[in-house]
PDB file of N, CA and C in Angstrom:
ATOM      1  N   MET A   1      -1.011   7.899 -11.456  1.00  0.00           N
ATOM      2  CA  MET A   1       0.171   7.861 -10.630  1.00  0.00           C
ATOM      3  C   MET A   1       1.125   6.823 -11.208  1.00  0.00           C
ATOM      4  N   LEU A   2       2.425   7.113 -11.119  1.00  0.00           N
ATOM      5  CA  LEU A   2       3.436   6.169 -11.587  1.00  0.00           C
ATOM      6  C   LEU A   2       3.984   5.360 -10.419  1.00  0.00           C
ATOM      7  N   TYR A   3       4.342   4.118 -10.714  1.00  0.00           N
ATOM      8  CA  TYR A   3       4.904   3.212  -9.723  1.00  0.00           C
ATOM      9  C   TYR A   3       6.173   2.583 -10.285  1.00  0.00           C
ATOM     10  N   PHE A   4       7.210   2.531  -9.452  1.00  0.00           N
ATOM     11  CA  PHE A   4       8.462   1.871  -9.783  1.00  0.00           C
ATOM     12  C   PHE A   4       8.404   0.479  -9.176  1.00  0.00           C
ATOM     13  N   VAL A   5       8.615  -0.519  -9.999  1.00  0.00           N
ATOM     14  CA  VAL A   5       8.514  -1.907  -9.548  1.00  0.00           C
ATOM     15  C   VAL A   5       9.872  -2.573  -9.714  1.00  0.00           C
ATOM     16  N   SER A   6      10.458  -3.013  -8.610  1.00  0.00           N
ATOM     17  CA  SER A   6      11.741  -3.705  -8.632  1.00  0.00           C
ATOM     18  C   SER A   6      11.516  -5.206  -8.685  1.00  0.00           C
ATOM     19  N   VAL A   7      12.245  -5.867  -9.585  1.00  0.00           N
ATOM     20  CA  VAL A   7      12.230  -7.326  -9.660  1.00  0.00           C
ATOM     21  C   VAL A   7      13.377  -7.823  -8.801  1.00  0.00           C
ATOM     22  N   ILE A   8      13.077  -8.639  -7.808  1.00  0.00           N
ATOM     23  CA  ILE A   8      14.066  -9.091  -6.833  1.00  0.00           C
ATOM     24  C   ILE A   8      14.518 -10.504  -7.192  1.00  0.00           C
ATOM     25  N   ASP A   9      15.836 -10.695  -7.289  1.00  0.00           N
ATOM     26  CA  ASP A   9      16.388 -12.010  -7.646  1.00  0.00           C
ATOM     27  C   ASP A   9      17.727 -12.172  -6.945  1.00  0.00           C
ATOM     28  N   ASP A  10      18.197 -13.401  -6.867  1.00  0.00           N
ATOM     29  CA  ASP A  10      19.531 -13.645  -6.319  1.00  0.00           C
ATOM     30  C   ASP A  10      20.488 -14.161  -7.396  1.00  0.00           C
ATOM     31  N   ARG A  11      20.007 -14.152  -8.648  1.00  0.00           N
ATOM     32  CA  ARG A  11      20.833 -14.536  -9.794  1.00  0.00           C
ATOM     33  C   ARG A  11      20.665 -13.484 -10.877  1.00  0.00           C
ATOM     34  N   THR A  12      21.572 -13.487 -11.830  1.00  0.00           N
ATOM     35  CA  THR A  12      21.507 -12.543 -12.937  1.00  0.00           C
ATOM     36  C   THR A  12      21.130 -13.270 -14.211  1.00  0.00           C
ATOM     37  N   ASN A  13      20.294 -12.635 -15.025  1.00  0.00           N
ATOM     38  CA  ASN A  13      19.897 -13.203 -16.311  1.00  0.00           C
ATOM     39  C   ASN A  13      19.366 -14.621 -16.129  1.00  0.00           C
ATOM     40  N   SER A  14      18.525 -14.792 -15.130  1.00  0.00           N
ATOM     41  CA  SER A  14      18.090 -16.132 -14.734  1.00  0.00           C
ATOM     42  C   SER A  14      16.733 -16.541 -15.295  1.00  0.00           C
ATOM     43  N   GLY A  15      16.109 -15.686 -16.092  1.00  0.00           N
ATOM     44  CA  GLY A  15      14.789 -16.015 -16.632  1.00  0.00           C
ATOM     45  C   GLY A  15      14.841 -17.204 -17.575  1.00  0.00           C
ATOM     46  N   THR A  16      13.969 -18.158 -17.341  1.00  0.00           N
ATOM     47  CA  THR A  16      13.892 -19.321 -18.225  1.00  0.00           C
ATOM     48  C   THR A  16      13.140 -18.933 -19.501  1.00  0.00           C
ATOM     49  N   PRO A  17      13.256 -19.709 -20.560  1.00  0.00           N
ATOM     50  CA  PRO A  17      12.486 -19.411 -21.764  1.00  0.00           C
ATOM     51  C   PRO A  17      10.982 -19.324 -21.488  1.00  0.00           C
ATOM     52  N   GLU A  18      10.471 -20.184 -20.620  1.00  0.00           N
ATOM     53  CA  GLU A  18       9.049 -20.163 -20.275  1.00  0.00           C
ATOM     54  C   GLU A  18       8.681 -18.874 -19.551  1.00  0.00           C
ATOM     55  N   GLU A  19       9.546 -18.440 -18.616  1.00  0.00           N
ATOM     56  CA  GLU A  19       9.284 -17.193 -17.894  1.00  0.00           C
ATOM     57  C   GLU A  19       9.327 -15.999 -18.851  1.00  0.00           C
ATOM     58  N   MET A  20      10.232 -16.005 -19.807  1.00  0.00           N
ATOM     59  CA  MET A  20      10.328 -14.910 -20.761  1.00  0.00           C
ATOM     60  C   MET A  20       9.050 -14.801 -21.595  1.00  0.00           C
ATOM     61  N   VAL A  21       8.460 -15.931 -21.955  1.00  0.00           N
ATOM     62  CA  VAL A  21       7.183 -15.924 -22.686  1.00  0.00           C
ATOM     63  C   VAL A  21       6.093 -15.320 -21.809  1.00  0.00           C
ATOM     64  N   GLU A  22       6.037 -15.717 -20.543  1.00  0.00           N
ATOM     65  CA  GLU A  22       5.026 -15.187 -19.620  1.00  0.00           C
ATOM     66  C   GLU A  22       5.214 -13.689 -19.383  1.00  0.00           C
ATOM     67  N   ILE A  23       6.465 -13.254 -19.255  1.00  0.00           N
ATOM     68  CA  ILE A  23       6.745 -11.828 -19.049  1.00  0.00           C
ATOM     69  C   ILE A  23       6.304 -11.029 -20.272  1.00  0.00           C
ATOM     70  N   ALA A  24       6.618 -11.526 -21.465  1.00  0.00           N
ATOM     71  CA  ALA A  24       6.208 -10.830 -22.692  1.00  0.00           C
ATOM     72  C   ALA A  24       4.684 -10.724 -22.771  1.00  0.00           C
ATOM     73  N   ALA A  25       3.989 -11.783 -22.404  1.00  0.00           N
ATOM     74  CA  ALA A  25       2.521 -11.760 -22.422  1.00  0.00           C
ATOM     75  C   ALA A  25       1.987 -10.772 -21.381  1.00  0.00           C
ATOM     76  N   PHE A  26       2.596 -10.751 -20.205  1.00  0.00           N
ATOM     77  CA  PHE A  26       2.183  -9.806 -19.170  1.00  0.00           C
ATOM     78  C   PHE A  26       2.416  -8.367 -19.634  1.00  0.00           C
ATOM     79  N   ASN A  27       3.591  -8.114 -20.223  1.00  0.00           N
ATOM     80  CA  ASN A  27       3.884  -6.775 -20.728  1.00  0.00           C
ATOM     81  C   ASN A  27       2.849  -6.346 -21.764  1.00  0.00           C
ATOM     82  N   GLU A  28       2.439  -7.260 -22.615  1.00  0.00           N
ATOM     83  CA  GLU A  28       1.434  -6.941 -23.627  1.00  0.00           C
ATOM     84  C   GLU A  28       0.095  -6.593 -22.963  1.00  0.00           C
ATOM     85  N   ARG A  29      -0.271  -7.330 -21.906  1.00  0.00           N
ATOM     86  CA  ARG A  29      -1.504  -7.005 -21.178  1.00  0.00           C
ATOM     87  C   ARG A  29      -1.414  -5.611 -20.558  1.00  0.00           C
ATOM     88  N   LEU A  30      -0.227  -5.250 -20.009  1.00  0.00           N
ATOM     89  CA  LEU A  30      -0.053  -3.899 -19.468  1.00  0.00           C
ATOM     90  C   LEU A  30      -0.266  -2.854 -20.554  1.00  0.00           C
ATOM     91  N   ARG A  31       0.287  -3.099 -21.730  1.00  0.00           N
ATOM     92  CA  ARG A  31       0.113  -2.151 -22.841  1.00  0.00           C
ATOM     93  C   ARG A  31      -1.360  -2.027 -23.214  1.00  0.00           C
ATOM     94  N   GLU A  32      -2.023  -3.176 -23.364  1.00  0.00           N
ATOM     95  CA  GLU A  32      -3.436  -3.172 -23.773  1.00  0.00           C
ATOM     96  C   GLU A  32      -4.316  -2.443 -22.774  1.00  0.00           C
ATOM     97  N   ARG A  33      -4.005  -2.539 -21.483  1.00  0.00           N
ATOM     98  CA  ARG A  33      -4.810  -1.911 -20.428  1.00  0.00           C
ATOM     99  C   ARG A  33      -4.401  -0.464 -20.158  1.00  0.00           C
ATOM    100  N   GLY A  34      -3.354   0.020 -20.836  1.00  0.00           N
ATOM    101  CA  GLY A  34      -2.912   1.392 -20.655  1.00  0.00           C
ATOM    102  C   GLY A  34      -2.045   1.642 -19.437  1.00  0.00           C
ATOM    103  N   HIS A  35      -1.433   0.599 -18.877  1.00  0.00           N
ATOM    104  CA  HIS A  35      -0.606   0.751 -17.678  1.00  0.00           C
ATOM    105  C   HIS A  35       0.885   0.769 -17.995  1.00  0.00           C
ATOM    106  N   TRP A  36       1.266   0.401 -19.211  1.00  0.00           N
ATOM    107  CA  TRP A  36       2.674   0.274 -19.588  1.00  0.00           C
ATOM    108  C   TRP A  36       3.341   1.642 -19.677  1.00  0.00           C
ATOM    109  N   VAL A  37       4.517   1.783 -19.057  1.00  0.00           N
ATOM    110  CA  VAL A  37       5.366   2.947 -19.250  1.00  0.00           C
ATOM    111  C   VAL A  37       6.737   2.477 -19.736  1.00  0.00           C
ATOM    112  N   PHE A  38       7.369   1.546 -18.977  1.00  0.00           N
ATOM    113  CA  PHE A  38       8.717   1.109 -19.315  1.00  0.00           C
ATOM    114  C   PHE A  38       9.039  -0.154 -18.521  1.00  0.00           C
ATOM    115  N   ALA A  39       9.905  -0.991 -19.078  1.00  0.00           N
ATOM    116  CA  ALA A  39      10.419  -2.153 -18.354  1.00  0.00           C
ATOM    117  C   ALA A  39      11.791  -2.497 -18.902  1.00  0.00           C
ATOM    118  N   ALA A  40      12.635  -3.084 -18.055  1.00  0.00           N
ATOM    119  CA  ALA A  40      13.974  -3.492 -18.489  1.00  0.00           C
ATOM    120  C   ALA A  40      14.576  -4.455 -17.493  1.00  0.00           C
ATOM    121  N   GLY A  41      15.440  -5.320 -17.994  1.00  0.00           N
ATOM    122  CA  GLY A  41      16.284  -6.139 -17.136  1.00  0.00           C
ATOM    123  C   GLY A  41      17.569  -5.377 -16.856  1.00  0.00           C
ATOM    124  N   LEU A  42      18.256  -5.754 -15.800  1.00  0.00           N
ATOM    125  CA  LEU A  42      19.503  -5.089 -15.426  1.00  0.00           C
ATOM    126  C   LEU A  42      20.661  -6.081 -15.434  1.00  0.00           C
ATOM    127  N   ALA A  43      21.847  -5.584 -15.761  1.00  0.00           N
ATOM    128  CA  ALA A  43      23.058  -6.403 -15.736  1.00  0.00           C
ATOM    129  C   ALA A  43      23.416  -6.764 -14.295  1.00  0.00           C
ATOM    130  N   ASP A  44      24.333  -7.683 -14.152  1.00  0.00           N
ATOM    131  CA  ASP A  44      24.808  -8.136 -12.844  1.00  0.00           C
ATOM    132  C   ASP A  44      25.258  -6.946 -11.997  1.00  0.00           C
ATOM    133  N   PRO A  45      24.934  -6.943 -10.701  1.00  0.00           N
ATOM    134  CA  PRO A  45      25.349  -5.834  -9.839  1.00  0.00           C
ATOM    135  C   PRO A  45      26.866  -5.614  -9.829  1.00  0.00           C
ATOM    136  N   ALA A  46      27.630  -6.659 -10.092  1.00  0.00           N
ATOM    137  CA  ALA A  46      29.092  -6.513 -10.111  1.00  0.00           C
ATOM    138  C   ALA A  46      29.566  -5.595 -11.228  1.00  0.00           C
ATOM    139  N   THR A  47      28.713  -5.326 -12.216  1.00  0.00           N
ATOM    140  CA  THR A  47      29.087  -4.433 -13.312  1.00  0.00           C
ATOM    141  C   THR A  47      28.819  -2.978 -12.983  1.00  0.00           C
ATOM    142  N   SER A  48      28.260  -2.705 -11.819  1.00  0.00           N
ATOM    143  CA  SER A  48      27.871  -1.334 -11.477  1.00  0.00           C
ATOM    144  C   SER A  48      29.055  -0.520 -10.960  1.00  0.00           C
ATOM    145  N   THR A  49      28.890   0.777 -11.007  1.00  0.00           N
ATOM    146  CA  THR A  49      29.845   1.721 -10.431  1.00  0.00           C
ATOM    147  C   THR A  49      29.066   2.685  -9.554  1.00  0.00           C
ATOM    148  N   VAL A  50      29.533   2.860  -8.327  1.00  0.00           N
ATOM    149  CA  VAL A  50      28.923   3.811  -7.398  1.00  0.00           C
ATOM    150  C   VAL A  50      29.713   5.108  -7.494  1.00  0.00           C
ATOM    151  N   ILE A  51      29.008   6.221  -7.635  1.00  0.00           N
ATOM    152  CA  ILE A  51      29.639   7.530  -7.731  1.00  0.00           C
ATOM    153  C   ILE A  51      29.194   8.368  -6.542  1.00  0.00           C
ATOM    154  N   ASP A  52      30.163   8.898  -5.804  1.00  0.00           N
ATOM    155  CA  ASP A  52      29.868   9.810  -4.698  1.00  0.00           C
ATOM    156  C   ASP A  52      30.484  11.158  -5.044  1.00  0.00           C
ATOM    157  N   GLY A  53      29.649  12.078  -5.500  1.00  0.00           N
ATOM    158  CA  GLY A  53      30.117  13.395  -5.895  1.00  0.00           C
ATOM    159  C   GLY A  53      29.882  14.459  -4.848  1.00  0.00           C
ATOM    160  N   ARG A  54      29.743  14.060  -3.605  1.00  0.00           N
ATOM    161  CA  ARG A  54      29.437  15.039  -2.555  1.00  0.00           C
ATOM    162  C   ARG A  54      30.652  15.812  -2.088  1.00  0.00           C
ATOM    163  N   GLY A  55      31.853  15.298  -2.346  1.00  0.00           N
ATOM    164  CA  GLY A  55      33.066  15.994  -1.920  1.00  0.00           C
ATOM    165  C   GLY A  55      33.608  16.889  -3.013  1.00  0.00           C
ATOM    166  N   GLU A  56      34.854  17.336  -2.825  1.00  0.00           N
ATOM    167  CA  GLU A  56      35.479  18.199  -3.829  1.00  0.00           C
ATOM    168  C   GLU A  56      35.708  17.458  -5.133  1.00  0.00           C
ATOM    169  N   GLN A  57      36.040  16.191  -5.058  1.00  0.00           N
ATOM    170  CA  GLN A  57      36.253  15.357  -6.232  1.00  0.00           C
ATOM    171  C   GLN A  57      35.332  14.139  -6.130  1.00  0.00           C
ATOM    172  N   PRO A  58      34.751  13.723  -7.254  1.00  0.00           N
ATOM    173  CA  PRO A  58      33.906  12.524  -7.191  1.00  0.00           C
ATOM    174  C   PRO A  58      34.746  11.280  -6.909  1.00  0.00           C
ATOM    175  N   VAL A  59      34.151  10.363  -6.171  1.00  0.00           N
ATOM    176  CA  VAL A  59      34.786   9.088  -5.859  1.00  0.00           C
ATOM    177  C   VAL A  59      34.001   8.001  -6.585  1.00  0.00           C
ATOM    178  N   PHE A  60      34.716   7.182  -7.369  1.00  0.00           N
ATOM    179  CA  PHE A  60      34.108   6.100  -8.132  1.00  0.00           C
ATOM    180  C   PHE A  60      34.524   4.785  -7.494  1.00  0.00           C
ATOM    181  N   THR A  61      33.536   3.932  -7.200  1.00  0.00           N
ATOM    182  CA  THR A  61      33.799   2.646  -6.569  1.00  0.00           C
ATOM    183  C   THR A  61      33.141   1.544  -7.392  1.00  0.00           C
ATOM    184  N   ASP A  62      33.886   0.501  -7.702  1.00  0.00           N
ATOM    185  CA  ASP A  62      33.327  -0.624  -8.440  1.00  0.00           C
ATOM    186  C   ASP A  62      32.371  -1.416  -7.569  1.00  0.00           C
ATOM    187  N   GLY A  63      31.366  -1.976  -8.228  1.00  0.00           N
ATOM    188  CA  GLY A  63      30.457  -2.887  -7.547  1.00  0.00           C
ATOM    189  C   GLY A  63      29.227  -2.210  -6.994  1.00  0.00           C
ATOM    190  N   PRO A  64      28.324  -3.006  -6.474  1.00  0.00           N
ATOM    191  CA  PRO A  64      27.065  -2.450  -5.956  1.00  0.00           C
ATOM    192  C   PRO A  64      27.309  -1.613  -4.700  1.00  0.00           C
ATOM    193  N   PHE A  65      26.354  -0.720  -4.418  1.00  0.00           N
ATOM    194  CA  PHE A  65      26.485   0.139  -3.241  1.00  0.00           C
ATOM    195  C   PHE A  65      26.262  -0.630  -1.951  1.00  0.00           C
ATOM    196  N   ILE A  66      25.670  -1.812  -2.048  1.00  0.00           N
ATOM    197  CA  ILE A  66      25.430  -2.632  -0.870  1.00  0.00           C
ATOM    198  C   ILE A  66      25.640  -4.097  -1.243  1.00  0.00           C
ATOM    199  N   GLU A  67      26.315  -4.818  -0.405  1.00  0.00           N
ATOM    200  CA  GLU A  67      26.514  -6.250  -0.623  1.00  0.00           C
ATOM    201  C   GLU A  67      25.296  -6.986  -0.100  1.00  0.00           C
ATOM    202  N   SER A  68      24.697  -7.779  -0.947  1.00  0.00           N
ATOM    203  CA  SER A  68      23.497  -8.505  -0.573  1.00  0.00           C
ATOM    204  C   SER A  68      23.352  -9.722  -1.462  1.00  0.00           C
ATOM    205  N   LYS A  69      22.740 -10.762  -0.933  1.00  0.00           N
ATOM    206  CA  LYS A  69      22.479 -11.942  -1.749  1.00  0.00           C
ATOM    207  C   LYS A  69      21.487 -11.601  -2.863  1.00  0.00           C
ATOM    208  N   GLU A  70      20.459 -10.822  -2.523  1.00  0.00           N
ATOM    209  CA  GLU A  70      19.448 -10.446  -3.505  1.00  0.00           C
ATOM    210  C   GLU A  70      19.759  -9.061  -4.055  1.00  0.00           C
ATOM    211  N   HIS A  71      19.279  -8.812  -5.265  1.00  0.00           N
ATOM    212  CA  HIS A  71      19.495  -7.528  -5.902  1.00  0.00           C
ATOM    213  C   HIS A  71      18.324  -7.212  -6.830  1.00  0.00           C
ATOM    214  N   ILE A  72      18.325  -6.016  -7.364  1.00  0.00           N
ATOM    215  CA  ILE A  72      17.307  -5.638  -8.342  1.00  0.00           C
ATOM    216  C   ILE A  72      17.768  -6.158  -9.696  1.00  0.00           C
ATOM    217  N   ALA A  73      17.027  -7.112 -10.225  1.00  0.00           N
ATOM    218  CA  ALA A  73      17.386  -7.757 -11.486  1.00  0.00           C
ATOM    219  C   ALA A  73      16.685  -7.116 -12.676  1.00  0.00           C
ATOM    220  N   GLY A  74      15.671  -6.331 -12.420  1.00  0.00           N
ATOM    221  CA  GLY A  74      14.929  -5.675 -13.487  1.00  0.00           C
ATOM    222  C   GLY A  74      13.934  -4.710 -12.886  1.00  0.00           C
ATOM    223  N   LEU A  75      13.191  -4.052 -13.763  1.00  0.00           N
ATOM    224  CA  LEU A  75      12.239  -3.064 -13.275  1.00  0.00           C
ATOM    225  C   LEU A  75      11.096  -2.874 -14.255  1.00  0.00           C
ATOM    226  N   TRP A  76      10.014  -2.402 -13.731  1.00  0.00           N
ATOM    227  CA  TRP A  76       8.887  -1.891 -14.503  1.00  0.00           C
ATOM    228  C   TRP A  76       8.594  -0.502 -13.974  1.00  0.00           C
ATOM    229  N   ILE A  77       8.149   0.365 -14.831  1.00  0.00           N
ATOM    230  CA  ILE A  77       7.483   1.594 -14.412  1.00  0.00           C
ATOM    231  C   ILE A  77       6.090   1.496 -15.014  1.00  0.00           C
ATOM    232  N   ILE A  78       5.098   1.535 -14.147  1.00  0.00           N
ATOM    233  CA  ILE A  78       3.717   1.393 -14.604  1.00  0.00           C
ATOM    234  C   ILE A  78       2.911   2.611 -14.188  1.00  0.00           C
ATOM    235  N   GLU A  79       1.785   2.788 -14.837  1.00  0.00           N
ATOM    236  CA  GLU A  79       0.849   3.833 -14.468  1.00  0.00           C
ATOM    237  C   GLU A  79      -0.434   3.170 -13.992  1.00  0.00           C
ATOM    238  N   ALA A  80      -0.928   3.611 -12.851  1.00  0.00           N
ATOM    239  CA  ALA A  80      -2.164   3.066 -12.286  1.00  0.00           C
ATOM    240  C   ALA A  80      -2.861   4.185 -11.519  1.00  0.00           C
ATOM    241  N   PRO A  81      -4.180   4.131 -11.427  1.00  0.00           N
ATOM    242  CA  PRO A  81      -4.905   5.204 -10.752  1.00  0.00           C
ATOM    243  C   PRO A  81      -4.652   5.261  -9.247  1.00  0.00           C
ATOM    244  N   ASP A  82      -4.283   4.113  -8.662  1.00  0.00           N
ATOM    245  CA  ASP A  82      -4.014   4.098  -7.227  1.00  0.00           C
ATOM    246  C   ASP A  82      -3.197   2.859  -6.871  1.00  0.00           C
ATOM    247  N   LEU A  83      -2.762   2.796  -5.622  1.00  0.00           N
ATOM    248  CA  LEU A  83      -1.907   1.707  -5.162  1.00  0.00           C
ATOM    249  C   LEU A  83      -2.592   0.351  -5.254  1.00  0.00           C
ATOM    250  N   ASP A  84      -3.876   0.296  -4.953  1.00  0.00           N
ATOM    251  CA  ASP A  84      -4.587  -0.991  -5.028  1.00  0.00           C
ATOM    252  C   ASP A  84      -4.524  -1.585  -6.431  1.00  0.00           C
ATOM    253  N   VAL A  85      -4.702  -0.754  -7.442  1.00  0.00           N
ATOM    254  CA  VAL A  85      -4.629  -1.233  -8.827  1.00  0.00           C
ATOM    255  C   VAL A  85      -3.200  -1.649  -9.150  1.00  0.00           C
ATOM    256  N   ALA A  86      -2.222  -0.846  -8.730  1.00  0.00           N
ATOM    257  CA  ALA A  86      -0.819  -1.183  -8.978  1.00  0.00           C
ATOM    258  C   ALA A  86      -0.455  -2.525  -8.349  1.00  0.00           C
ATOM    259  N   LEU A  87      -0.905  -2.748  -7.137  1.00  0.00           N
ATOM    260  CA  LEU A  87      -0.594  -4.014  -6.450  1.00  0.00           C
ATOM    261  C   LEU A  87      -1.268  -5.194  -7.138  1.00  0.00           C
ATOM    262  N   ALA A  88      -2.499  -5.017  -7.565  1.00  0.00           N
ATOM    263  CA  ALA A  88      -3.193  -6.104  -8.273  1.00  0.00           C
ATOM    264  C   ALA A  88      -2.487  -6.421  -9.583  1.00  0.00           C
ATOM    265  N   LEU A  89      -2.089  -5.388 -10.327  1.00  0.00           N
ATOM    266  CA  LEU A  89      -1.365  -5.607 -11.571  1.00  0.00           C
ATOM    267  C   LEU A  89      -0.058  -6.353 -11.334  1.00  0.00           C
ATOM    268  N   MET A  90       0.676  -5.905 -10.338  1.00  0.00           N
ATOM    269  CA  MET A  90       1.988  -6.490 -10.141  1.00  0.00           C
ATOM    270  C   MET A  90       1.950  -7.840  -9.433  1.00  0.00           C
ATOM    271  N   ALA A  91       0.812  -8.195  -8.849  1.00  0.00           N
ATOM    272  CA  ALA A  91       0.634  -9.581  -8.398  1.00  0.00           C
ATOM    273  C   ALA A  91       0.672 -10.490  -9.623  1.00  0.00           C
ATOM    274  N   GLU A  92       0.049 -10.020 -10.723  1.00  0.00           N
ATOM    275  CA  GLU A  92       0.123 -10.757 -11.992  1.00  0.00           C
ATOM    276  C   GLU A  92       1.567 -10.771 -12.506  1.00  0.00           C
ATOM    277  N   GLY A  93       2.264  -9.645 -12.368  1.00  0.00           N
ATOM    278  CA  GLY A  93       3.653  -9.555 -12.808  1.00  0.00           C
ATOM    279  C   GLY A  93       4.565 -10.488 -12.046  1.00  0.00           C
ATOM    280  N   SER A  94       4.349 -10.597 -10.736  1.00  0.00           N
ATOM    281  CA  SER A  94       5.148 -11.509  -9.921  1.00  0.00           C
ATOM    282  C   SER A  94       4.966 -12.949 -10.373  1.00  0.00           C
ATOM    283  N   LYS A  95       3.726 -13.290 -10.672  1.00  0.00           N
ATOM    284  CA  LYS A  95       3.444 -14.642 -11.162  1.00  0.00           C
ATOM    285  C   LYS A  95       4.103 -14.860 -12.520  1.00  0.00           C
ATOM    286  N   ALA A  96       4.015 -13.863 -13.403  1.00  0.00           N
ATOM    287  CA  ALA A  96       4.571 -13.993 -14.754  1.00  0.00           C
ATOM    288  C   ALA A  96       6.087 -14.178 -14.734  1.00  0.00           C
ATOM    289  N   CYS A  97       6.784 -13.401 -13.911  1.00  0.00           N
ATOM    290  CA  CYS A  97       8.247 -13.489 -13.903  1.00  0.00           C
ATOM    291  C   CYS A  97       8.780 -14.467 -12.862  1.00  0.00           C
ATOM    292  N   ASN A  98       7.893 -14.987 -12.017  1.00  0.00           N
ATOM    293  CA  ASN A  98       8.283 -15.962 -11.002  1.00  0.00           C
ATOM    294  C   ASN A  98       9.337 -15.399 -10.046  1.00  0.00           C
ATOM    295  N   ARG A  99       9.153 -14.124  -9.690  1.00  0.00           N
ATOM    296  CA  ARG A  99      10.061 -13.447  -8.769  1.00  0.00           C
ATOM    297  C   ARG A  99       9.240 -12.582  -7.810  1.00  0.00           C
ATOM    298  N   ARG A 100       9.851 -12.237  -6.675  1.00  0.00           N
ATOM    299  CA  ARG A 100       9.236 -11.256  -5.784  1.00  0.00           C
ATOM    300  C   ARG A 100       9.411  -9.875  -6.392  1.00  0.00           C
ATOM    301  N   LEU A 101       8.464  -8.995  -6.117  1.00  0.00           N
ATOM    302  CA  LEU A 101       8.513  -7.627  -6.621  1.00  0.00           C
ATOM    303  C   LEU A 101       8.322  -6.647  -5.477  1.00  0.00           C
ATOM    304  N   GLU A 102       8.916  -5.482  -5.619  1.00  0.00           N
ATOM    305  CA  GLU A 102       8.676  -4.374  -4.693  1.00  0.00           C
ATOM    306  C   GLU A 102       8.037  -3.250  -5.501  1.00  0.00           C
ATOM    307  N   VAL A 103       6.899  -2.742  -5.036  1.00  0.00           N
ATOM    308  CA  VAL A 103       6.171  -1.666  -5.713  1.00  0.00           C
ATOM    309  C   VAL A 103       6.309  -0.400  -4.879  1.00  0.00           C
ATOM    310  N   ARG A 104       6.770   0.682  -5.533  1.00  0.00           N
ATOM    311  CA  ARG A 104       6.930   1.962  -4.826  1.00  0.00           C
ATOM    312  C   ARG A 104       6.350   3.091  -5.660  1.00  0.00           C
ATOM    313  N   PRO A 105       5.521   3.945  -5.051  1.00  0.00           N
ATOM    314  CA  PRO A 105       5.030   5.112  -5.784  1.00  0.00           C
ATOM    315  C   PRO A 105       6.204   6.032  -6.137  1.00  0.00           C
ATOM    316  N   MET A 106       6.135   6.622  -7.321  1.00  0.00           N
ATOM    317  CA  MET A 106       7.123   7.622  -7.713  1.00  0.00           C
ATOM    318  C   MET A 106       6.611   8.982  -7.262  1.00  0.00           C
ATOM    319  N   LEU A 107       7.517   9.829  -6.791  1.00  0.00           N
ATOM    320  CA  LEU A 107       7.116  11.121  -6.265  1.00  0.00           C
ATOM    321  C   LEU A 107       6.858  12.154  -7.347  1.00  0.00           C
ATOM    322  N   THR A 108       7.528  12.026  -8.477  1.00  0.00           N
ATOM    323  CA  THR A 108       7.319  12.948  -9.571  1.00  0.00           C
ATOM    324  C   THR A 108       7.263  12.188 -10.875  1.00  0.00           C
ATOM    325  N   ARG A 109       6.653  12.780 -11.862  1.00  0.00           N
ATOM    326  CA  ARG A 109       6.601  12.199 -13.207  1.00  0.00           C
ATOM    327  C   ARG A 109       7.911  12.530 -13.916  1.00  0.00           C
ATOM    328  N   PRO A 110       8.416  11.632 -14.748  1.00  0.00           N
ATOM    329  CA  PRO A 110       9.612  11.954 -15.530  1.00  0.00           C
ATOM    330  C   PRO A 110       9.386  13.227 -16.331  1.00  0.00           C
ATOM    331  N   GLY A 111      10.375  14.082 -16.355  1.00  0.00           N
ATOM    332  CA  GLY A 111      10.278  15.336 -17.101  1.00  0.00           C
ATOM    333  C   GLY A 111       9.558  16.449 -16.359  1.00  0.00           C
ATOM    334  N   ALA A 112       9.055  16.149 -15.154  1.00  0.00           N
ATOM    335  CA  ALA A 112       8.314  17.178 -14.404  1.00  0.00           C
ATOM    336  C   ALA A 112       9.246  18.082 -13.646  1.00  0.00           C
TER     337      ALA A 112
END
């Protein structure tokens, strides 16, 4: 099963050099254990564009879709046999990146 993991932060590009070393080591452990699918950091929410194409013409709006102090600063997509394993793995991930994480099962596999 695949899991989408959101990295929650209230700053952008805030990882310290020490945290970046820990994240790289954690990512390597995910690869070695066969859980790695993908990971990435995200740009500041102010750089986003919201698109609403439900009407006759799409509407483009600058900025995040919701104003909030916290935002998704990065993500992992991992593979784990069940939620318990995913949560245990990402407890390590939370420690490595020194941030709170949200783990959500994905409903479909990419390309499915």
